[in-house]
Full PDB file with SEQRES, HELIX, SHEET, SSBOND, CRYST1, ORIGX, SCALE, CONECT and MASTER records, all heavy atoms in Angstrom:
SEQRES   1 A   40  ALA ASP ARG LEU GLU GLN VAL ALA LYS GLN TYR GLY ILE          
SEQRES   2 A   40  ARG ALA ALA THR SER ASN ARG GLU LEU VAL ALA GLU ALA          
SEQRES   3 A   40  ASP VAL VAL ILE LEU ALA VAL LYS PRO GLN ILE MET SER          
SEQRES   4 A   40  GLY                                                          
HELIX    1 AA1 ASP A    2  TYR A   11  1                                  10    
HELIX    2 AA2 ASN A   19  GLU A   25  1                                   7    
HELIX    3 AA3 PRO A   35  MET A   38  1                                   4    
CRYST1    1.000    1.000    1.000  90.00  90.00  90.00 P 1           1          
ORIGX1      1.000000  0.000000  0.000000        0.00000                         
ORIGX2      0.000000  1.000000  0.000000        0.00000                         
ORIGX3      0.000000  0.000000  1.000000        0.00000                         
SCALE1      1.000000  0.000000  0.000000        0.00000                         
SCALE2      0.000000  1.000000  0.000000        0.00000                         
SCALE3      0.000000  0.000000  1.000000        0.00000                         
ATOM      1  N   ALA A   1      -0.008  24.494  -3.737  1.00  0.00           N  
ATOM      2  CA  ALA A   1      -1.466  24.319  -3.753  1.00  0.00           C  
ATOM      3  C   ALA A   1      -2.076  24.783  -5.073  1.00  0.00           C  
ATOM      4  O   ALA A   1      -3.002  24.146  -5.587  1.00  0.00           O  
ATOM      5  CB  ALA A   1      -2.097  25.072  -2.582  1.00  0.00           C  
ATOM      6  N   ASP A   2      -1.559  25.878  -5.634  1.00  0.00           N  
ATOM      7  CA  ASP A   2      -2.108  26.379  -6.895  1.00  0.00           C  
ATOM      8  C   ASP A   2      -1.871  25.400  -8.040  1.00  0.00           C  
ATOM      9  O   ASP A   2      -2.748  25.175  -8.874  1.00  0.00           O  
ATOM     10  CB  ASP A   2      -1.542  27.762  -7.236  1.00  0.00           C  
ATOM     11  CG  ASP A   2      -0.028  27.782  -7.413  1.00  0.00           C  
ATOM     12  OD1 ASP A   2       0.686  27.000  -6.735  1.00  0.00           O  
ATOM     13  OD2 ASP A   2       0.467  28.601  -8.211  1.00  0.00           O  
ATOM     14  N   ARG A   3      -0.715  24.776  -8.054  1.00  0.00           N  
ATOM     15  CA  ARG A   3      -0.398  23.785  -9.093  1.00  0.00           C  
ATOM     16  C   ARG A   3      -1.298  22.557  -8.936  1.00  0.00           C  
ATOM     17  O   ARG A   3      -1.841  22.039  -9.914  1.00  0.00           O  
ATOM     18  CB  ARG A   3       1.081  23.391  -9.000  1.00  0.00           C  
ATOM     19  CG  ARG A   3       1.490  22.262  -9.897  1.00  0.00           C  
ATOM     20  CD  ARG A   3       1.401  22.636 -11.360  1.00  0.00           C  
ATOM     21  NE  ARG A   3       1.844  21.502 -12.164  1.00  0.00           N  
ATOM     22  CZ  ARG A   3       1.740  21.446 -13.469  1.00  0.00           C  
ATOM     23  NH1 ARG A   3       1.228  22.457 -14.140  1.00  0.00           N  
ATOM     24  NH2 ARG A   3       2.148  20.392 -14.124  1.00  0.00           N  
ATOM     25  N   LEU A   4      -1.462  22.080  -7.715  1.00  0.00           N  
ATOM     26  CA  LEU A   4      -2.309  20.921  -7.458  1.00  0.00           C  
ATOM     27  C   LEU A   4      -3.743  21.206  -7.888  1.00  0.00           C  
ATOM     28  O   LEU A   4      -4.378  20.376  -8.538  1.00  0.00           O  
ATOM     29  CB  LEU A   4      -2.257  20.539  -5.977  1.00  0.00           C  
ATOM     30  CG  LEU A   4      -3.118  19.358  -5.563  1.00  0.00           C  
ATOM     31  CD1 LEU A   4      -2.750  18.089  -6.336  1.00  0.00           C  
ATOM     32  CD2 LEU A   4      -2.994  19.136  -4.064  1.00  0.00           C  
ATOM     33  N   GLU A   5      -4.250  22.369  -7.555  1.00  0.00           N  
ATOM     34  CA  GLU A   5      -5.616  22.743  -7.927  1.00  0.00           C  
ATOM     35  C   GLU A   5      -5.777  22.759  -9.448  1.00  0.00           C  
ATOM     36  O   GLU A   5      -6.770  22.270  -9.984  1.00  0.00           O  
ATOM     37  CB  GLU A   5      -5.946  24.115  -7.350  1.00  0.00           C  
ATOM     38  CG  GLU A   5      -7.348  24.581  -7.634  1.00  0.00           C  
ATOM     39  CD  GLU A   5      -7.636  25.955  -7.041  1.00  0.00           C  
ATOM     40  OE1 GLU A   5      -7.105  26.261  -5.964  1.00  0.00           O  
ATOM     41  OE2 GLU A   5      -8.402  26.702  -7.677  1.00  0.00           O  
ATOM     42  N   GLN A   6      -4.780  23.296 -10.140  1.00  0.00           N  
ATOM     43  CA  GLN A   6      -4.826  23.377 -11.604  1.00  0.00           C  
ATOM     44  C   GLN A   6      -4.860  21.979 -12.228  1.00  0.00           C  
ATOM     45  O   GLN A   6      -5.697  21.691 -13.089  1.00  0.00           O  
ATOM     46  CB  GLN A   6      -3.608  24.141 -12.133  1.00  0.00           C  
ATOM     47  CG  GLN A   6      -3.515  24.136 -13.655  1.00  0.00           C  
ATOM     48  CD  GLN A   6      -2.088  24.245 -14.162  1.00  0.00           C  
ATOM     49  OE1 GLN A   6      -1.164  24.526 -13.408  1.00  0.00           O  
ATOM     50  NE2 GLN A   6      -1.899  23.995 -15.435  1.00  0.00           N  
ATOM     51  N   VAL A   7      -3.995  21.085 -11.774  1.00  0.00           N  
ATOM     52  CA  VAL A   7      -3.927  19.733 -12.331  1.00  0.00           C  
ATOM     53  C   VAL A   7      -5.201  18.956 -11.994  1.00  0.00           C  
ATOM     54  O   VAL A   7      -5.762  18.260 -12.844  1.00  0.00           O  
ATOM     55  CB  VAL A   7      -2.663  18.990 -11.829  1.00  0.00           C  
ATOM     56  CG1 VAL A   7      -2.680  17.520 -12.207  1.00  0.00           C  
ATOM     57  CG2 VAL A   7      -1.408  19.658 -12.394  1.00  0.00           C  
ATOM     58  N   ALA A   8      -5.679  19.089 -10.762  1.00  0.00           N  
ATOM     59  CA  ALA A   8      -6.901  18.393 -10.355  1.00  0.00           C  
ATOM     60  C   ALA A   8      -8.088  18.830 -11.207  1.00  0.00           C  
ATOM     61  O   ALA A   8      -8.870  17.998 -11.681  1.00  0.00           O  
ATOM     62  CB  ALA A   8      -7.177  18.642  -8.877  1.00  0.00           C  
ATOM     63  N   LYS A   9      -8.204  20.115 -11.432  1.00  0.00           N  
ATOM     64  CA  LYS A   9      -9.311  20.645 -12.229  1.00  0.00           C  
ATOM     65  C   LYS A   9      -9.183  20.230 -13.693  1.00  0.00           C  
ATOM     66  O   LYS A   9     -10.154  19.801 -14.318  1.00  0.00           O  
ATOM     67  CB  LYS A   9      -9.339  22.165 -12.110  1.00  0.00           C  
ATOM     68  CG  LYS A   9     -10.537  22.812 -12.743  1.00  0.00           C  
ATOM     69  CD  LYS A   9     -10.556  24.306 -12.458  1.00  0.00           C  
ATOM     70  CE  LYS A   9     -11.794  24.943 -13.033  1.00  0.00           C  
ATOM     71  NZ  LYS A   9     -11.852  26.367 -12.729  1.00  0.00           N  
ATOM     72  N   GLN A  10      -7.990  20.322 -14.233  1.00  0.00           N  
ATOM     73  CA  GLN A  10      -7.765  20.017 -15.650  1.00  0.00           C  
ATOM     74  C   GLN A  10      -8.047  18.551 -15.978  1.00  0.00           C  
ATOM     75  O   GLN A  10      -8.605  18.245 -17.029  1.00  0.00           O  
ATOM     76  CB  GLN A  10      -6.327  20.360 -16.045  1.00  0.00           C  
ATOM     77  CG  GLN A  10      -6.031  20.112 -17.510  1.00  0.00           C  
ATOM     78  CD  GLN A  10      -4.660  20.617 -17.911  1.00  0.00           C  
ATOM     79  OE1 GLN A  10      -3.977  21.314 -17.164  1.00  0.00           O  
ATOM     80  NE2 GLN A  10      -4.251  20.274 -19.112  1.00  0.00           N  
ATOM     81  N   TYR A  11      -7.675  17.635 -15.081  1.00  0.00           N  
ATOM     82  CA  TYR A  11      -7.789  16.209 -15.376  1.00  0.00           C  
ATOM     83  C   TYR A  11      -8.920  15.515 -14.614  1.00  0.00           C  
ATOM     84  O   TYR A  11      -9.161  14.326 -14.816  1.00  0.00           O  
ATOM     85  CB  TYR A  11      -6.462  15.505 -15.098  1.00  0.00           C  
ATOM     86  CG  TYR A  11      -5.371  16.006 -16.012  1.00  0.00           C  
ATOM     87  CD1 TYR A  11      -4.438  16.927 -15.571  1.00  0.00           C  
ATOM     88  CD2 TYR A  11      -5.302  15.588 -17.342  1.00  0.00           C  
ATOM     89  CE1 TYR A  11      -3.451  17.416 -16.414  1.00  0.00           C  
ATOM     90  CE2 TYR A  11      -4.323  16.065 -18.193  1.00  0.00           C  
ATOM     91  CZ  TYR A  11      -3.404  16.987 -17.728  1.00  0.00           C  
ATOM     92  OH  TYR A  11      -2.424  17.470 -18.573  1.00  0.00           O  
ATOM     93  N   GLY A  12      -9.595  16.223 -13.744  1.00  0.00           N  
ATOM     94  CA  GLY A  12     -10.705  15.646 -13.009  1.00  0.00           C  
ATOM     95  C   GLY A  12     -10.285  14.656 -11.940  1.00  0.00           C  
ATOM     96  O   GLY A  12     -11.046  13.772 -11.558  1.00  0.00           O  
ATOM     97  N   ILE A  13      -9.068  14.828 -11.417  1.00  0.00           N  
ATOM     98  CA  ILE A  13      -8.566  13.954 -10.354  1.00  0.00           C  
ATOM     99  C   ILE A  13      -8.825  14.612  -9.002  1.00  0.00           C  
ATOM    100  O   ILE A  13      -9.189  15.786  -8.924  1.00  0.00           O  
ATOM    101  CB  ILE A  13      -7.067  13.633 -10.539  1.00  0.00           C  
ATOM    102  CG1 ILE A  13      -6.218  14.892 -10.360  1.00  0.00           C  
ATOM    103  CG2 ILE A  13      -6.823  12.970 -11.889  1.00  0.00           C  
ATOM    104  CD1 ILE A  13      -4.723  14.627 -10.269  1.00  0.00           C  
ATOM    105  N   ARG A  14      -8.597  13.859  -7.939  1.00  0.00           N  
ATOM    106  CA  ARG A  14      -8.803  14.393  -6.593  1.00  0.00           C  
ATOM    107  C   ARG A  14      -7.505  14.973  -6.048  1.00  0.00           C  
ATOM    108  O   ARG A  14      -6.445  14.368  -6.169  1.00  0.00           O  
ATOM    109  CB  ARG A  14      -9.295  13.290  -5.661  1.00  0.00           C  
ATOM    110  CG  ARG A  14      -9.714  13.800  -4.299  1.00  0.00           C  
ATOM    111  CD  ARG A  14     -10.338  12.710  -3.465  1.00  0.00           C  
ATOM    112  NE  ARG A  14      -9.367  11.694  -3.078  1.00  0.00           N  
ATOM    113  CZ  ARG A  14      -8.494  11.830  -2.084  1.00  0.00           C  
ATOM    114  NH1 ARG A  14      -8.439  12.943  -1.379  1.00  0.00           N  
ATOM    115  NH2 ARG A  14      -7.669  10.850  -1.790  1.00  0.00           N  
ATOM    116  N   ALA A  15      -7.605  16.134  -5.445  1.00  0.00           N  
ATOM    117  CA  ALA A  15      -6.475  16.756  -4.760  1.00  0.00           C  
ATOM    118  C   ALA A  15      -6.497  16.262  -3.318  1.00  0.00           C  
ATOM    119  O   ALA A  15      -7.416  16.585  -2.563  1.00  0.00           O  
ATOM    120  CB  ALA A  15      -6.584  18.274  -4.815  1.00  0.00           C  
ATOM    121  N   ALA A  16      -5.534  15.434  -2.944  1.00  0.00           N  
ATOM    122  CA  ALA A  16      -5.468  14.900  -1.576  1.00  0.00           C  
ATOM    123  C   ALA A  16      -4.995  15.994  -0.627  1.00  0.00           C  
ATOM    124  O   ALA A  16      -4.240  16.885  -1.011  1.00  0.00           O  
ATOM    125  CB  ALA A  16      -4.543  13.697  -1.528  1.00  0.00           C  
ATOM    126  N   THR A  17      -5.417  15.885   0.623  1.00  0.00           N  
ATOM    127  CA  THR A  17      -5.069  16.925   1.592  1.00  0.00           C  
ATOM    128  C   THR A  17      -3.700  16.737   2.221  1.00  0.00           C  
ATOM    129  O   THR A  17      -3.130  17.683   2.743  1.00  0.00           O  
ATOM    130  CB  THR A  17      -6.138  17.011   2.701  1.00  0.00           C  
ATOM    131  OG1 THR A  17      -6.249  15.735   3.324  1.00  0.00           O  
ATOM    132  CG2 THR A  17      -7.484  17.420   2.132  1.00  0.00           C  
ATOM    133  N   SER A  18      -3.162  15.502   2.170  1.00  0.00           N  
ATOM    134  CA  SER A  18      -1.822  15.293   2.729  1.00  0.00           C  
ATOM    135  C   SER A  18      -1.159  14.086   2.078  1.00  0.00           C  
ATOM    136  O   SER A  18      -1.838  13.189   1.573  1.00  0.00           O  
ATOM    137  CB  SER A  18      -1.887  15.073   4.247  1.00  0.00           C  
ATOM    138  OG  SER A  18      -2.358  13.768   4.541  1.00  0.00           O  
ATOM    139  N   ASN A  19       0.158  14.073   2.130  1.00  0.00           N  
ATOM    140  CA  ASN A  19       0.913  12.939   1.592  1.00  0.00           C  
ATOM    141  C   ASN A  19       0.565  11.648   2.321  1.00  0.00           C  
ATOM    142  O   ASN A  19       0.404  10.595   1.709  1.00  0.00           O  
ATOM    143  CB  ASN A  19       2.421  13.194   1.707  1.00  0.00           C  
ATOM    144  CG  ASN A  19       2.905  14.269   0.763  1.00  0.00           C  
ATOM    145  OD1 ASN A  19       2.241  14.609  -0.210  1.00  0.00           O  
ATOM    146  ND2 ASN A  19       4.074  14.819   1.052  1.00  0.00           N  
ATOM    147  N   ARG A  20       0.453  11.728   3.637  1.00  0.00           N  
ATOM    148  CA  ARG A  20       0.145  10.530   4.431  1.00  0.00           C  
ATOM    149  C   ARG A  20      -1.224   9.963   4.087  1.00  0.00           C  
ATOM    150  O   ARG A  20      -1.400   8.755   3.967  1.00  0.00           O  
ATOM    151  CB  ARG A  20       0.233  10.841   5.919  1.00  0.00           C  
ATOM    152  CG  ARG A  20       1.644  11.043   6.381  1.00  0.00           C  
ATOM    153  CD  ARG A  20       1.689  11.315   7.849  1.00  0.00           C  
ATOM    154  NE  ARG A  20       3.056  11.622   8.246  1.00  0.00           N  
ATOM    155  CZ  ARG A  20       3.429  11.794   9.485  1.00  0.00           C  
ATOM    156  NH1 ARG A  20       2.545  11.689  10.462  1.00  0.00           N  
ATOM    157  NH2 ARG A  20       4.675  12.069   9.769  1.00  0.00           N  
ATOM    158  N   GLU A  21      -2.199  10.833   3.952  1.00  0.00           N  
ATOM    159  CA  GLU A  21      -3.549  10.395   3.576  1.00  0.00           C  
ATOM    160  C   GLU A  21      -3.513   9.695   2.226  1.00  0.00           C  
ATOM    161  O   GLU A  21      -4.092   8.622   2.047  1.00  0.00           O  
ATOM    162  CB  GLU A  21      -4.491  11.600   3.508  1.00  0.00           C  
ATOM    163  CG  GLU A  21      -5.851  11.281   2.904  1.00  0.00           C  
ATOM    164  CD  GLU A  21      -6.586  12.524   2.403  1.00  0.00           C  
ATOM    165  OE1 GLU A  21      -6.310  13.636   2.885  1.00  0.00           O  
ATOM    166  OE2 GLU A  21      -7.436  12.362   1.514  1.00  0.00           O  
ATOM    167  N   LEU A  22      -2.820  10.285   1.278  1.00  0.00           N  
ATOM    168  CA  LEU A  22      -2.740   9.721  -0.059  1.00  0.00           C  
ATOM    169  C   LEU A  22      -2.106   8.327  -0.032  1.00  0.00           C  
ATOM    170  O   LEU A  22      -2.640   7.382  -0.601  1.00  0.00           O  
ATOM    171  CB  LEU A  22      -1.932  10.648  -0.977  1.00  0.00           C  
ATOM    172  CG  LEU A  22      -1.828  10.180  -2.414  1.00  0.00           C  
ATOM    173  CD1 LEU A  22      -2.058  11.328  -3.367  1.00  0.00           C  
ATOM    174  CD2 LEU A  22      -0.473   9.567  -2.673  1.00  0.00           C  
ATOM    175  N   VAL A  23      -0.995   8.180   0.651  1.00  0.00           N  
ATOM    176  CA  VAL A  23      -0.299   6.893   0.718  1.00  0.00           C  
ATOM    177  C   VAL A  23      -1.153   5.845   1.418  1.00  0.00           C  
ATOM    178  O   VAL A  23      -1.204   4.687   1.003  1.00  0.00           O  
ATOM    179  CB  VAL A  23       1.080   7.048   1.397  1.00  0.00           C  
ATOM    180  CG1 VAL A  23       1.706   5.703   1.709  1.00  0.00           C  
ATOM    181  CG2 VAL A  23       2.008   7.871   0.500  1.00  0.00           C  
ATOM    182  N   ALA A  24      -1.856   6.239   2.470  1.00  0.00           N  
ATOM    183  CA  ALA A  24      -2.676   5.294   3.224  1.00  0.00           C  
ATOM    184  C   ALA A  24      -3.818   4.719   2.398  1.00  0.00           C  
ATOM    185  O   ALA A  24      -4.212   3.575   2.587  1.00  0.00           O  
ATOM    186  CB  ALA A  24      -3.216   5.963   4.486  1.00  0.00           C  
ATOM    187  N   GLU A  25      -4.340   5.494   1.467  1.00  0.00           N  
ATOM    188  CA  GLU A  25      -5.500   5.030   0.704  1.00  0.00           C  
ATOM    189  C   GLU A  25      -5.160   4.498  -0.688  1.00  0.00           C  
ATOM    190  O   GLU A  25      -5.990   3.843  -1.315  1.00  0.00           O  
ATOM    191  CB  GLU A  25      -6.541   6.137   0.582  1.00  0.00           C  
ATOM    192  CG  GLU A  25      -6.103   7.284  -0.290  1.00  0.00           C  
ATOM    193  CD  GLU A  25      -7.093   8.434  -0.315  1.00  0.00           C  
ATOM    194  OE1 GLU A  25      -7.831   8.613   0.654  1.00  0.00           O  
ATOM    195  OE2 GLU A  25      -7.108   9.164  -1.315  1.00  0.00           O  
ATOM    196  N   ALA A  26      -3.965   4.747  -1.179  1.00  0.00           N  
ATOM    197  CA  ALA A  26      -3.606   4.336  -2.541  1.00  0.00           C  
ATOM    198  C   ALA A  26      -3.131   2.885  -2.599  1.00  0.00           C  
ATOM    199  O   ALA A  26      -2.524   2.377  -1.665  1.00  0.00           O  
ATOM    200  CB  ALA A  26      -2.514   5.246  -3.078  1.00  0.00           C  
ATOM    201  N   ASP A  27      -3.452   2.235  -3.710  1.00  0.00           N  
ATOM    202  CA  ASP A  27      -2.926   0.900  -3.983  1.00  0.00           C  
ATOM    203  C   ASP A  27      -1.550   1.000  -4.640  1.00  0.00           C  
ATOM    204  O   ASP A  27      -0.696   0.146  -4.440  1.00  0.00           O  
ATOM    205  CB  ASP A  27      -3.864   0.142  -4.926  1.00  0.00           C  
ATOM    206  CG  ASP A  27      -5.236  -0.082  -4.327  1.00  0.00           C  
ATOM    207  OD1 ASP A  27      -5.307  -0.598  -3.194  1.00  0.00           O  
ATOM    208  OD2 ASP A  27      -6.238   0.262  -4.984  1.00  0.00           O  
ATOM    209  N   VAL A  28      -1.365   2.055  -5.440  1.00  0.00           N  
ATOM    210  CA  VAL A  28      -0.115   2.309  -6.153  1.00  0.00           C  
ATOM    211  C   VAL A  28       0.264   3.758  -5.878  1.00  0.00           C  
ATOM    212  O   VAL A  28      -0.563   4.651  -6.014  1.00  0.00           O  
ATOM    213  CB  VAL A  28      -0.282   2.105  -7.679  1.00  0.00           C  
ATOM    214  CG1 VAL A  28       0.991   2.450  -8.429  1.00  0.00           C  
ATOM    215  CG2 VAL A  28      -0.726   0.686  -7.983  1.00  0.00           C  
ATOM    216  N   VAL A  29       1.513   3.993  -5.499  1.00  0.00           N  
ATOM    217  CA  VAL A  29       1.989   5.353  -5.237  1.00  0.00           C  
ATOM    218  C   VAL A  29       3.120   5.666  -6.215  1.00  0.00           C  
ATOM    219  O   VAL A  29       4.089   4.918  -6.317  1.00  0.00           O  
ATOM    220  CB  VAL A  29       2.492   5.524  -3.785  1.00  0.00           C  
ATOM    221  CG1 VAL A  29       3.053   6.923  -3.567  1.00  0.00           C  
ATOM    222  CG2 VAL A  29       1.371   5.230  -2.802  1.00  0.00           C  
ATOM    223  N   ILE A  30       2.973   6.765  -6.935  1.00  0.00           N  
ATOM    224  CA  ILE A  30       3.986   7.246  -7.873  1.00  0.00           C  
ATOM    225  C   ILE A  30       4.726   8.402  -7.205  1.00  0.00           C  
ATOM    226  O   ILE A  30       4.110   9.387  -6.795  1.00  0.00           O  
ATOM    227  CB  ILE A  30       3.341   7.752  -9.188  1.00  0.00           C  
ATOM    228  CG1 ILE A  30       2.360   6.744  -9.754  1.00  0.00           C  
ATOM    229  CG2 ILE A  30       4.419   8.198 -10.170  1.00  0.00           C  
ATOM    230  CD1 ILE A  30       2.899   5.643 -10.561  1.00  0.00           C  
ATOM    231  N   LEU A  31       6.038   8.257  -7.095  1.00  0.00           N  
ATOM    232  CA  LEU A  31       6.868   9.321  -6.517  1.00  0.00           C  
ATOM    233  C   LEU A  31       7.305  10.244  -7.642  1.00  0.00           C  
ATOM    234  O   LEU A  31       8.174   9.885  -8.442  1.00  0.00           O  
ATOM    235  CB  LEU A  31       8.071   8.728  -5.801  1.00  0.00           C  
ATOM    236  CG  LEU A  31       7.745   7.767  -4.661  1.00  0.00           C  
ATOM    237  CD1 LEU A  31       8.998   7.053  -4.191  1.00  0.00           C  
ATOM    238  CD2 LEU A  31       7.081   8.497  -3.520  1.00  0.00           C  
ATOM    239  N   ALA A  32       6.690  11.407  -7.725  1.00  0.00           N  
ATOM    240  CA  ALA A  32       6.963  12.344  -8.812  1.00  0.00           C  
ATOM    241  C   ALA A  32       7.433  13.678  -8.247  1.00  0.00           C  
ATOM    242  O   ALA A  32       6.886  14.726  -8.564  1.00  0.00           O  
ATOM    243  CB  ALA A  32       5.707  12.516  -9.665  1.00  0.00           C  
ATOM    244  N   VAL A  33       8.451  13.605  -7.395  1.00  0.00           N  
ATOM    245  CA  VAL A  33       9.013  14.816  -6.784  1.00  0.00           C  
ATOM    246  C   VAL A  33      10.475  14.945  -7.194  1.00  0.00           C  
ATOM    247  O   VAL A  33      11.108  13.981  -7.612  1.00  0.00           O  
ATOM    248  CB  VAL A  33       8.888  14.797  -5.244  1.00  0.00           C  
ATOM    249  CG1 VAL A  33       7.426  14.753  -4.829  1.00  0.00           C  
ATOM    250  CG2 VAL A  33       9.639  13.638  -4.637  1.00  0.00           C  
ATOM    251  N   LYS A  34      10.983  16.125  -7.035  1.00  0.00           N  
ATOM    252  CA  LYS A  34      12.393  16.374  -7.384  1.00  0.00           C  
ATOM    253  C   LYS A  34      13.309  15.616  -6.430  1.00  0.00           C  
ATOM    254  O   LYS A  34      12.991  15.455  -5.255  1.00  0.00           O  
ATOM    255  CB  LYS A  34      12.676  17.870  -7.338  1.00  0.00           C  
ATOM    256  CG  LYS A  34      11.887  18.631  -8.399  1.00  0.00           C  
ATOM    257  CD  LYS A  34      12.413  20.033  -8.555  1.00  0.00           C  
ATOM    258  CE  LYS A  34      11.635  20.814  -9.587  1.00  0.00           C  
ATOM    259  NZ  LYS A  34      11.852  20.397 -10.943  1.00  0.00           N  
ATOM    260  N   PRO A  35      14.444  15.152  -6.940  1.00  0.00           N  
ATOM    261  CA  PRO A  35      15.358  14.353  -6.112  1.00  0.00           C  
ATOM    262  C   PRO A  35      15.770  15.026  -4.808  1.00  0.00           C  
ATOM    263  O   PRO A  35      15.886  14.367  -3.777  1.00  0.00           O  
ATOM    264  CB  PRO A  35      16.570  14.135  -7.021  1.00  0.00           C  
ATOM    265  CG  PRO A  35      16.049  14.292  -8.403  1.00  0.00           C  
ATOM    266  CD  PRO A  35      14.925  15.293  -8.306  1.00  0.00           C  
ATOM    267  N   GLN A  36      15.940  16.326  -4.819  1.00  0.00           N  
ATOM    268  CA  GLN A  36      16.412  17.025  -3.626  1.00  0.00           C  
ATOM    269  C   GLN A  36      15.388  17.065  -2.496  1.00  0.00           C  
ATOM    270  O   GLN A  36      15.746  17.319  -1.355  1.00  0.00           O  
ATOM    271  CB  GLN A  36      16.915  18.436  -3.961  1.00  0.00           C  
ATOM    272  CG  GLN A  36      15.903  19.353  -4.572  1.00  0.00           C  
ATOM    273  CD  GLN A  36      15.908  19.352  -6.090  1.00  0.00           C  
ATOM    274  OE1 GLN A  36      16.231  18.356  -6.719  1.00  0.00           O  
ATOM    275  NE2 GLN A  36      15.539  20.478  -6.687  1.00  0.00           N  
ATOM    276  N   ILE A  37      14.113  16.784  -2.781  1.00  0.00           N  
ATOM    277  CA  ILE A  37      13.123  16.745  -1.705  1.00  0.00           C  
ATOM    278  C   ILE A  37      12.601  15.329  -1.442  1.00  0.00           C  
ATOM    279  O   ILE A  37      11.768  15.129  -0.560  1.00  0.00           O  
ATOM    280  CB  ILE A  37      11.951  17.717  -1.954  1.00  0.00           C  
ATOM    281  CG1 ILE A  37      11.134  17.316  -3.181  1.00  0.00           C  
ATOM    282  CG2 ILE A  37      12.429  19.148  -2.049  1.00  0.00           C  
ATOM    283  CD1 ILE A  37       9.810  18.037  -3.271  1.00  0.00           C  
ATOM    284  N   MET A  38      13.112  14.363  -2.173  1.00  0.00           N  
ATOM    285  CA  MET A  38      12.633  12.986  -2.047  1.00  0.00           C  
ATOM    286  C   MET A  38      12.762  12.453  -0.621  1.00  0.00           C  
ATOM    287  O   MET A  38      11.827  11.856  -0.098  1.00  0.00           O  
ATOM    288  CB  MET A  38      13.380  12.066  -3.013  1.00  0.00           C  
ATOM    289  CG  MET A  38      12.914  10.622  -2.987  1.00  0.00           C  
ATOM    290  SD  MET A  38      11.253  10.371  -3.608  1.00  0.00           S  
ATOM    291  CE  MET A  38      11.527  10.610  -5.347  1.00  0.00           C  
ATOM    292  N   SER A  39      13.911  12.638   0.022  1.00  0.00           N  
ATOM    293  CA  SER A  39      14.092  12.063   1.365  1.00  0.00           C  
ATOM    294  C   SER A  39      13.095  12.642   2.359  1.00  0.00           C  
ATOM    295  O   SER A  39      12.553  11.919   3.195  1.00  0.00           O  
ATOM    296  CB  SER A  39      15.532  12.224   1.861  1.00  0.00           C  
ATOM    297  OG  SER A  39      15.826  13.578   2.091  1.00  0.00           O  
ATOM    298  N   GLY A  40      12.803  13.920   2.265  1.00  0.00           N  
ATOM    299  CA  GLY A  40      11.819  14.535   3.156  1.00  0.00           C  
ATOM    300  C   GLY A  40      10.426  13.985   2.933  1.00  0.00           C  
ATOM    301  O   GLY A  40       9.688  13.721   3.884  1.00  0.00           O  
TER     302      GLY A  40                                                      
MASTER        0    0    0    3    0    0    0    6  301    1    0    4          
END                                                                             
């Protein structure tokens, strides 16, 4: 949460409350997670 808040504030983007919410509303989804947590 602290990292998300920092990036959202620095770039003026929105911090989504959940992965599902983000995917449901996005037209394009970028998977930017480490390989070991990708399947989850």
